Amino acid sequence: MVNTAVELCGIALDNPVIPASGTFGYGKEFAEIYDINILGSFSFKGTTGEERFGNPTPRIAETPGGMLNAVGLQNPGVEHVIKTILPEMKSYFHKKVMANVSGFSVDEYVRVSSLLGKEEQVGWIELNISCPNVHGGGMSFGTDERSAYEVTKAVKGATDKPVIVKLSPNVTDICSIAKACEKGGADGISLINTLMGMRIDLKRKRPVLANVTGGYSGPGVFPVALRMVYQVYEAVNIPIVGMGGVSSAEDVIEMMLAGATAVEVGAANLIDPYASKKIVEGLPRAMEKYGITTLKDIIGGAH
């Protein structure tokens, strides 16, 4: 009998499989087709202070090895999430959920994190620092060590919930950013967010996406994500949530060997709505195949 349980920032999970923010909504649609309580948890749609419509269409495009998206953080705003969505979520998801927080200023990150951190269902704040820093000339918080440190420290002072900082891979040195977040008090690191990419429509001779560029995700980014998880594991002393192109139980095991404590599943959910369910159900078989009895024992095992 294998044991798939892990612990993320002091919270026990039945297994390490967590659908990633932006690919699972608030879980409601998936709960209509299977019992999502089989998941370790899920990270709900990135939430900002106010309602956002997002970017103009087209904002999603398929591409070999994955997909491009430039959705632009479409969400109903934190107050609607708290008043309407979280109470409804209690009826179909009975575990702690990960609240993905986005913002365009330190004040916005602090406000949204503080409000969501007071909610009982929220187990962790996943701080997406890949958003533009409007007070820093539009550069993402996650591409600058000082900005990453400052926003992490500010949010840590506003909530008692574990703060897991989600990093952008679009940097020269991912380890320096991770270290800055750890110094700022982060309880964990989540990586990677999407890589920047684009496609051009040959008939129109114009970019496919209205936003021109978008985030590239899917199986094609897995080797890059794995490399960054491996490097960050050696750079920090806090848990890592690995993601990027994960689409099988074997991918989960590989991520954990690289150093991940838990693993998020993103684009695979958009290709197959049962993807995360299949990964959870396939984990025990994969563990038996590779002689793994207790899943948490393999974290960082490739080092």
Protein backbone atom coordinates (compact mmCIF):
# COMPACT_ATOMS: atom_id res chain seq x y z
CA MET A 1 0.00 0.00 0.00
CA VAL A 2 1.51 3.33 -1.05
CA ASN A 3 1.18 6.64 0.78
CA THR A 4 0.53 9.72 -1.41
CA ALA A 5 0.16 12.21 1.48
CA VAL A 6 2.36 15.31 1.71
CA GLU A 7 2.42 18.44 3.86
CA LEU A 8 2.57 21.93 2.37
CA CYS A 9 3.47 24.76 4.75
CA GLY A 10 2.05 22.86 7.70
CA ILE A 11 -1.19 21.82 5.99
CA ALA A 12 -1.73 18.12 5.24
CA LEU A 13 -2.69 17.07 1.71
CA ASP A 14 -4.03 13.65 0.71
CA ASN A 15 -1.85 13.93 -2.40
CA PRO A 16 0.33 16.62 -4.02
CA VAL A 17 -1.93 17.27 -7.05
CA ILE A 18 -3.25 20.85 -7.26
CA PRO A 19 -4.96 22.27 -10.38
CA ALA A 20 -3.28 25.57 -11.22
CA SER A 21 -4.85 29.00 -11.07
CA GLY A 22 -6.46 30.13 -14.28
CA THR A 23 -7.11 26.59 -15.49
CA PHE A 24 -9.70 25.47 -12.94
CA GLY A 25 -11.84 28.56 -12.34
CA TYR A 26 -13.32 28.30 -8.86
CA GLY A 27 -13.77 24.54 -9.25
CA LYS A 28 -17.54 24.62 -9.82
CA GLU A 29 -17.60 23.41 -13.43
CA PHE A 30 -15.20 20.56 -12.65
CA ALA A 31 -17.21 19.60 -9.54
CA GLU A 32 -20.16 18.96 -11.85
CA ILE A 33 -18.30 16.16 -13.66
CA TYR A 34 -16.32 14.53 -10.82
CA ASP A 35 -15.76 14.79 -7.07
CA ILE A 36 -12.93 17.33 -6.89
CA ASN A 37 -12.34 16.44 -3.24
CA ILE A 38 -10.01 13.70 -4.52
CA LEU A 39 -7.52 16.50 -5.28
CA GLY A 40 -4.91 17.66 -2.79
CA SER A 41 -6.32 21.17 -3.23
CA PHE A 42 -6.76 23.63 -6.10
CA SER A 43 -5.60 27.17 -6.75
CA PHE A 44 -8.54 29.32 -7.74
CA LYS A 45 -8.70 31.99 -10.41
CA GLY A 46 -6.30 34.89 -9.92
CA THR A 47 -8.15 37.54 -7.92
CA THR A 48 -7.57 41.29 -7.93
CA GLY A 49 -8.99 44.14 -5.88
CA GLU A 50 -11.58 45.13 -8.47
CA GLU A 51 -13.43 43.29 -11.23
CA ARG A 52 -11.44 42.91 -14.44
CA PHE A 53 -12.73 42.07 -17.90
CA GLY A 54 -9.26 41.12 -19.12
CA ASN A 55 -7.63 41.55 -22.51
CA PRO A 56 -9.39 41.84 -25.86
CA THR A 57 -9.96 38.71 -27.98
CA PRO A 58 -8.49 36.62 -29.47
CA ARG A 59 -6.59 35.85 -26.29
CA ILE A 60 -6.00 32.11 -26.50
CA ALA A 61 -4.18 30.25 -29.29
CA GLU A 62 -3.02 26.67 -29.73
CA THR A 63 0.58 26.04 -30.66
CA PRO A 64 2.72 22.88 -30.96
CA GLY A 65 3.62 21.59 -27.51
CA GLY A 66 1.07 23.74 -25.71
CA MET A 67 -0.92 26.94 -25.88
CA LEU A 68 -0.62 30.71 -25.62
CA ASN A 69 -2.89 32.81 -23.45
CA ALA A 70 -3.27 36.51 -22.77
CA VAL A 71 -6.51 36.41 -20.78
CA GLY A 72 -5.44 39.36 -18.65
CA LEU A 73 -6.59 38.33 -15.17
CA GLN A 74 -10.31 38.36 -15.90
CA ASN A 75 -12.05 37.94 -12.53
CA PRO A 76 -15.03 39.33 -10.57
CA GLY A 77 -12.93 41.08 -7.89
CA VAL A 78 -12.16 40.10 -4.31
CA GLU A 79 -15.41 41.29 -2.71
CA HIS A 80 -17.56 39.21 -5.05
CA VAL A 81 -15.32 36.19 -4.48
CA ILE A 82 -15.73 36.52 -0.71
CA LYS A 83 -19.45 37.31 -0.66
CA THR A 84 -20.67 34.95 -3.38
CA ILE A 85 -18.14 32.41 -4.63
CA LEU A 86 -16.48 31.17 -1.42
CA PRO A 87 -19.80 30.47 0.37
CA GLU A 88 -20.96 28.46 -2.65
CA MET A 89 -17.60 26.65 -2.83
CA LYS A 90 -18.25 25.16 0.62
CA SER A 91 -20.96 22.98 -0.90
CA TYR A 92 -18.66 21.22 -3.38
CA PHE A 93 -15.11 21.46 -1.99
CA HIS A 94 -14.42 20.51 1.61
CA LYS A 95 -10.67 21.00 1.87
CA LYS A 96 -8.45 24.06 2.16
CA VAL A 97 -8.19 25.97 -1.10
CA MET A 98 -5.29 28.03 -2.45
CA ALA A 99 -6.17 31.68 -3.08
CA ASN A 100 -4.21 33.08 -6.02
CA VAL A 101 -3.76 36.83 -5.58
CA SER A 102 -2.77 39.28 -8.29
CA GLY A 103 -2.28 43.02 -8.16
CA PHE A 104 -0.81 46.08 -9.78
CA SER A 105 0.59 47.73 -6.66
CA VAL A 106 1.84 46.64 -3.24
CA ASP A 107 -1.28 48.15 -1.66
CA GLU A 108 -3.54 46.04 -3.87
CA TYR A 109 -1.65 42.84 -3.09
CA VAL A 110 -1.85 43.62 0.63
CA ARG A 111 -5.57 44.44 0.57
CA VAL A 112 -6.62 41.37 -1.41
CA SER A 113 -4.37 39.03 0.57
CA SER A 114 -5.62 40.45 3.86
CA LEU A 115 -9.27 39.98 2.89
CA LEU A 116 -8.85 36.45 1.48
CA GLY A 117 -6.60 35.46 4.38
CA LYS A 118 -9.51 35.95 6.78
CA GLU A 119 -11.59 33.30 5.00
CA GLU A 120 -11.73 29.90 6.67
CA GLN A 121 -11.58 27.91 3.41
CA VAL A 122 -8.34 29.58 2.35
CA GLY A 123 -5.32 27.52 3.34
CA TRP A 124 -2.60 29.40 1.47
CA ILE A 125 -2.14 32.71 -0.33
CA GLU A 126 -0.47 32.11 -3.70
CA LEU A 127 1.04 35.48 -4.54
CA ASN A 128 1.32 35.93 -8.29
CA ILE A 129 4.08 38.53 -8.66
CA SER A 130 4.19 38.34 -12.45
CA CYS A 131 1.86 41.34 -12.73
CA PRO A 132 3.10 44.79 -13.78
CA ASN A 133 4.25 47.03 -10.94
CA VAL A 134 2.45 50.27 -11.83
CA HIS A 135 4.57 52.23 -9.34
CA GLY A 136 7.77 50.85 -10.85
CA GLY A 137 7.20 51.80 -14.47
CA GLY A 138 5.26 48.67 -15.44
CA MET A 139 7.96 46.10 -14.69
CA SER A 140 6.74 42.91 -13.02
CA PHE A 141 7.38 42.57 -9.30
CA GLY A 142 8.72 39.10 -10.02
CA THR A 143 11.54 40.25 -12.29
CA ASP A 144 13.27 42.44 -9.72
CA GLU A 145 14.76 41.18 -6.44
CA ARG A 146 13.95 44.29 -4.43
CA SER A 147 10.34 44.47 -5.65
CA ALA A 148 9.85 40.76 -4.98
CA TYR A 149 11.21 41.19 -1.46
CA GLU A 150 9.08 44.25 -0.72
CA VAL A 151 5.75 42.85 -1.90
CA THR A 152 6.39 39.54 -0.12
CA LYS A 153 7.26 41.27 3.14
CA ALA A 154 4.23 43.57 2.90
CA VAL A 155 1.80 40.70 2.30
CA LYS A 156 3.35 38.60 5.08
CA GLY A 157 2.57 41.47 7.44
CA ALA A 158 -1.08 41.46 6.37
CA THR A 159 -2.08 37.80 6.78
CA ASP A 160 -1.47 34.86 9.07
CA LYS A 161 -1.94 32.37 6.23
CA PRO A 162 1.11 30.78 4.58
CA VAL A 163 2.26 32.89 1.63
CA ILE A 164 3.55 31.00 -1.40
CA VAL A 165 5.07 33.34 -3.98
CA LYS A 166 4.51 32.41 -7.63
CA LEU A 167 7.50 33.34 -9.77
CA SER A 168 7.89 34.30 -13.40
CA PRO A 169 10.41 32.27 -15.44
CA ASN A 170 11.09 35.31 -17.62
CA VAL A 171 14.19 36.31 -15.63
CA THR A 172 17.94 35.84 -15.90
CA ASP A 173 18.39 34.27 -12.46
CA ILE A 174 15.35 32.57 -10.92
CA CYS A 175 17.30 31.67 -7.77
CA SER A 176 18.04 35.28 -6.82
CA ILE A 177 14.33 36.13 -7.03
CA ALA A 178 13.41 33.06 -4.96
CA LYS A 179 15.98 34.01 -2.32
CA ALA A 180 14.59 37.55 -2.16
CA CYS A 181 11.11 36.17 -1.53
CA GLU A 182 12.43 33.85 1.17
CA LYS A 183 14.20 36.81 2.80
CA GLY A 184 10.90 38.71 2.67
CA GLY A 185 9.25 35.96 4.70
CA ALA A 186 7.71 33.72 2.03
CA ASP A 187 6.55 30.36 3.36
CA GLY A 188 6.96 28.71 -0.05
CA ILE A 189 7.79 29.28 -3.72
CA SER A 190 5.50 28.39 -6.62
CA LEU A 191 7.05 28.02 -10.08
CA ILE A 192 6.92 28.41 -12.95
CA ASN A 193 4.39 30.81 -14.36
CA THR A 194 4.11 30.93 -18.16
CA LEU A 195 6.95 31.74 -20.54
CA MET A 196 6.45 34.69 -22.88
CA GLY A 197 5.69 33.73 -26.47
CA MET A 198 3.80 34.68 -29.60
CA ARG A 199 2.60 33.37 -32.98
CA ILE A 200 1.93 35.14 -36.28
CA ASP A 201 -1.04 34.43 -38.52
CA LEU A 202 0.51 33.89 -41.97
CA LYS A 203 -2.70 34.79 -43.83
CA ARG A 204 -3.19 38.08 -42.01
CA LYS A 205 0.55 38.61 -41.44
CA ARG A 206 -0.29 39.84 -37.97
CA PRO A 207 0.12 38.42 -34.44
CA VAL A 208 -2.47 35.77 -33.61
CA LEU A 209 -3.21 37.25 -30.18
CA ALA A 210 -4.78 40.69 -29.85
CA ASN A 211 -2.28 41.34 -27.05
CA VAL A 212 0.55 40.36 -29.47
CA THR A 213 2.36 38.26 -26.84
CA GLY A 214 1.01 35.75 -24.34
CA GLY A 215 2.00 33.16 -21.80
CA TYR A 216 3.21 29.86 -23.24
CA SER A 217 2.20 26.77 -21.27
CA GLY A 218 1.82 23.05 -21.86
CA PRO A 219 4.12 20.03 -22.23
CA GLY A 220 6.71 22.02 -24.16
CA VAL A 221 7.69 24.03 -21.06
CA PHE A 222 8.12 21.01 -18.75
CA PRO A 223 11.92 20.68 -19.10
CA VAL A 224 12.35 24.40 -18.39
CA ALA A 225 10.07 24.23 -15.35
CA LEU A 226 11.82 21.14 -14.04
CA ARG A 227 15.22 22.81 -14.36
CA MET A 228 14.04 25.85 -12.41
CA VAL A 229 12.46 23.75 -9.63
CA TYR A 230 15.74 21.83 -9.35
CA GLN A 231 17.79 25.04 -9.12
CA VAL A 232 15.49 26.78 -6.64
CA TYR A 233 15.41 23.69 -4.39
CA GLU A 234 19.15 24.14 -3.89
CA ALA A 235 18.83 27.90 -3.34
CA VAL A 236 16.09 28.13 -0.66
CA ASN A 237 14.99 26.31 2.48
CA ILE A 238 11.22 26.62 2.02
CA PRO A 239 8.80 24.29 0.17
CA ILE A 240 8.33 24.49 -3.59
CA VAL A 241 5.15 24.00 -5.59
CA GLY A 242 6.28 22.87 -9.05
CA MET A 243 4.33 23.40 -12.25
CA GLY A 244 4.76 23.85 -15.97
CA GLY A 245 3.65 21.28 -18.53
CA VAL A 246 2.68 18.63 -15.97
CA SER A 247 0.30 16.15 -17.60
CA SER A 248 0.89 12.73 -15.97
CA ALA A 249 1.57 10.99 -12.67
CA GLU A 250 5.13 10.39 -13.90
CA ASP A 251 5.55 14.15 -14.38
CA VAL A 252 4.45 14.67 -10.77
CA ILE A 253 7.08 12.21 -9.54
CA GLU A 254 9.75 13.87 -11.69
CA MET A 255 8.84 17.30 -10.29
CA MET A 256 9.03 15.97 -6.73
CA LEU A 257 12.42 14.36 -7.35
CA ALA A 258 13.59 17.78 -8.58
CA GLY A 259 12.44 19.32 -5.29
CA ALA A 260 8.70 20.04 -5.38
CA THR A 261 6.58 19.28 -2.31
CA ALA A 262 3.34 19.70 -4.29
CA VAL A 263 2.66 19.92 -8.02
CA GLU A 264 0.20 22.08 -9.93
CA VAL A 265 -1.48 20.96 -13.15
CA GLY A 266 -2.30 23.75 -15.58
CA ALA A 267 -2.91 23.57 -19.33
CA ALA A 268 -3.69 19.84 -19.13
CA ASN A 269 -7.01 20.75 -17.45
CA LEU A 270 -7.99 22.78 -20.52
CA ILE A 271 -7.18 19.90 -22.87
CA ASP A 272 -8.90 17.23 -20.76
CA PRO A 273 -11.18 18.29 -17.86
CA TYR A 274 -10.45 14.95 -16.20
CA ALA A 275 -6.66 15.45 -16.36
CA SER A 276 -6.10 16.14 -12.66
CA LYS A 277 -8.43 13.28 -11.67
CA LYS A 278 -6.49 10.88 -13.90
CA ILE A 279 -3.18 12.04 -12.42
CA VAL A 280 -4.43 11.50 -8.84
CA GLU A 281 -5.71 8.03 -9.74
CA GLY A 282 -2.52 7.18 -11.61
CA LEU A 283 -0.14 8.17 -8.81
CA PRO A 284 -0.31 4.89 -6.81
CA ARG A 285 0.39 2.84 -9.96
CA ALA A 286 3.33 5.06 -10.91
CA MET A 287 4.71 4.87 -7.38
CA GLU A 288 4.53 1.07 -7.41
CA LYS A 289 6.19 0.98 -10.84
CA TYR A 290 9.19 2.97 -9.56
CA GLY A 291 9.39 1.34 -6.14
CA ILE A 292 8.12 4.36 -4.17
CA THR A 293 6.24 3.58 -0.95
CA THR A 294 5.90 7.03 0.64
CA LEU A 295 5.65 9.95 -1.77
CA LYS A 296 6.98 12.64 0.58
CA ASP A 297 10.23 10.70 0.95
CA ILE A 298 11.23 11.43 -2.66
CA ILE A 299 11.10 15.24 -2.41
CA GLY A 300 14.45 16.47 -3.72
CA GLY A 301 15.58 12.88 -4.26
CA ALA A 302 17.36 13.69 -7.53
CA HIS A 303 19.88 15.96 -5.76
